[in-house]
Amino acid sequence: MLYEYPLATQRESFYNITPQLRKAISQSGITSGIAVIYCPHTTAGITINENADPDVIPDLLLGLREAFPDRPQFRHAEGNSAAHLKASAMGSSATVIIEGGKPLLGTWQGVYFCEFDPPRSRKFYVKVMRET
């Protein structure tokens, strides 16, 4: 089963989309399988990371900005090459195991949509598949 979710992003940040993942799994009725969370954008990504300490997200963003700074040598006409680099490093999808009708995430884990070129009207998909 495929679910599509809209997301309006206002700033470069990591947006917690774990509630939408849980909703997709619940609506699917699947109790054992996998869910794939996918971002169809080239300047945004998906990751699984800590969701307990709010300082983790600013730290991750700082690290990504330092690893992939905007450079005058970039040739891409839109001027968002750093966003493309960050998105490529982050990846466009994550896979989560489903057991007992719930995502099998660690105690401190959440699923995040990573926005690197705001503001944007975005979307992401959750594909829920039953164990065979």
Protein backbone atom coordinates (compact mmCIF):
# COMPACT_ATOMS: atom_id res chain seq x y z
CA MET A 1 0.00 0.00 0.00
CA LEU A 2 1.30 3.42 -0.97
CA TYR A 3 0.67 6.59 1.02
CA GLU A 4 1.58 10.13 -0.03
CA TYR A 5 2.05 12.95 2.47
CA PRO A 6 2.44 16.67 1.74
CA LEU A 7 4.94 18.74 3.73
CA ALA A 8 5.44 22.52 3.67
CA THR A 9 8.96 23.41 4.73
CA GLN A 10 9.88 26.90 5.88
CA ARG A 11 13.55 26.50 6.77
CA GLU A 12 16.47 24.14 6.41
CA SER A 13 15.74 21.53 9.05
CA PHE A 14 14.89 17.94 9.83
CA TYR A 15 11.11 17.43 10.03
CA ASN A 16 9.91 14.53 12.17
CA ILE A 17 7.68 12.35 9.96
CA THR A 18 7.47 9.40 12.35
CA PRO A 19 3.76 10.14 13.04
CA GLN A 20 2.94 9.82 9.34
CA LEU A 21 4.87 6.54 9.18
CA ARG A 22 2.91 5.19 12.14
CA LYS A 23 -0.35 6.34 10.51
CA ALA A 24 0.47 4.60 7.21
CA ILE A 25 1.31 1.36 9.01
CA SER A 26 -1.88 1.55 11.07
CA GLN A 27 -4.06 2.30 8.03
CA SER A 28 -2.50 -0.55 6.07
CA GLY A 29 -3.45 -3.13 8.68
CA ILE A 30 -0.09 -4.83 8.11
CA THR A 31 1.39 -6.27 11.29
CA SER A 32 4.63 -7.77 9.95
CA GLY A 33 6.64 -6.50 6.98
CA ILE A 34 8.56 -3.43 5.95
CA ALA A 35 7.90 0.22 5.22
CA VAL A 36 9.95 2.26 2.79
CA ILE A 37 9.92 6.02 3.27
CA TYR A 38 10.90 7.81 0.05
CA CYS A 39 11.61 11.43 -0.90
CA PRO A 40 11.16 12.29 -4.62
CA HIS A 41 13.19 15.53 -4.42
CA THR A 42 16.85 16.20 -5.27
CA THR A 43 17.48 18.80 -2.56
CA ALA A 44 15.87 16.92 0.33
CA GLY A 45 16.33 13.51 1.91
CA ILE A 46 15.19 10.97 4.48
CA THR A 47 17.08 9.75 7.53
CA ILE A 48 16.60 7.93 10.81
CA ASN A 49 18.21 9.60 13.79
CA GLU A 50 17.74 10.56 17.43
CA ASN A 51 14.45 12.19 18.33
CA ALA A 52 14.90 12.63 22.10
CA ASP A 53 17.44 15.47 22.39
CA PRO A 54 16.41 18.56 20.39
CA ASP A 55 20.07 19.61 20.12
CA VAL A 56 20.85 16.74 17.74
CA ILE A 57 19.12 18.36 14.75
CA PRO A 58 21.00 21.69 14.96
CA ASP A 59 24.24 19.72 15.42
CA LEU A 60 23.54 17.63 12.33
CA LEU A 61 22.68 20.72 10.30
CA LEU A 62 25.87 22.45 11.47
CA GLY A 63 27.95 19.44 10.49
CA LEU A 64 26.32 19.24 7.07
CA ARG A 65 26.79 22.98 6.45
CA GLU A 66 30.47 22.66 7.33
CA ALA A 67 30.93 19.50 5.25
CA PHE A 68 29.06 20.95 2.25
CA PRO A 69 29.43 24.74 2.22
CA ASP A 70 28.15 26.86 -0.62
CA ARG A 71 31.07 27.63 -2.93
CA PRO A 72 31.46 30.27 -5.62
CA GLN A 73 33.01 27.59 -7.87
CA PHE A 74 29.72 25.70 -8.14
CA ARG A 75 28.33 25.86 -11.66
CA HIS A 76 24.70 24.79 -11.15
CA ALA A 77 22.55 27.72 -12.35
CA GLU A 78 19.96 27.47 -9.56
CA GLY A 79 22.60 28.17 -6.92
CA ASN A 80 21.63 25.26 -4.68
CA SER A 81 24.51 22.84 -5.26
CA ALA A 82 25.20 22.59 -1.52
CA ALA A 83 21.60 21.41 -1.03
CA HIS A 84 22.10 18.73 -3.71
CA LEU A 85 25.27 17.54 -2.00
CA LYS A 86 23.60 17.33 1.42
CA ALA A 87 20.63 15.45 -0.04
CA SER A 88 22.92 12.99 -1.82
CA ALA A 89 24.86 12.38 1.39
CA MET A 90 21.65 11.88 3.39
CA GLY A 91 19.93 9.62 0.86
CA SER A 92 16.43 9.62 -0.56
CA SER A 93 14.91 6.74 1.42
CA ALA A 94 14.89 4.66 4.57
CA THR A 95 13.50 1.20 5.25
CA VAL A 96 11.90 0.28 8.56
CA ILE A 97 10.87 -3.18 9.77
CA ILE A 98 7.25 -3.54 10.92
CA GLU A 99 6.48 -5.91 13.80
CA GLY A 100 3.31 -6.05 15.83
CA GLY A 101 1.78 -3.37 13.60
CA LYS A 102 4.43 -0.83 14.62
CA PRO A 103 7.69 0.44 13.18
CA LEU A 104 10.67 -1.31 14.77
CA LEU A 105 12.59 1.81 15.80
CA GLY A 106 15.07 2.16 18.62
CA THR A 107 14.08 3.96 21.82
CA TRP A 108 15.66 7.22 20.67
CA GLN A 109 14.98 6.94 16.93
CA GLY A 110 12.68 8.93 14.68
CA VAL A 111 12.28 9.23 10.92
CA TYR A 112 13.06 12.63 9.43
CA PHE A 113 12.45 14.49 6.19
CA CYS A 114 15.59 16.56 5.64
CA GLU A 115 15.01 19.90 3.91
CA PHE A 116 18.06 21.59 2.41
CA ASP A 117 16.52 24.10 -0.04
CA PRO A 118 13.58 25.87 1.66
CA PRO A 119 10.94 27.10 1.54
CA ARG A 120 9.25 24.39 -0.49
CA SER A 121 6.02 22.47 -0.91
CA ARG A 122 7.26 18.90 -0.63
CA LYS A 123 5.85 15.41 -0.48
CA PHE A 124 7.09 12.03 0.60
CA TYR A 125 5.83 8.50 0.21
CA VAL A 126 5.45 5.56 2.55
CA LYS A 127 5.17 2.12 0.94
CA VAL A 128 3.99 -0.54 3.40
CA MET A 129 4.54 -4.18 2.41
CA ARG A 130 3.39 -7.34 4.12
CA GLU A 131 5.81 -10.11 5.05
CA THR A 132 5.51 -12.98 2.59
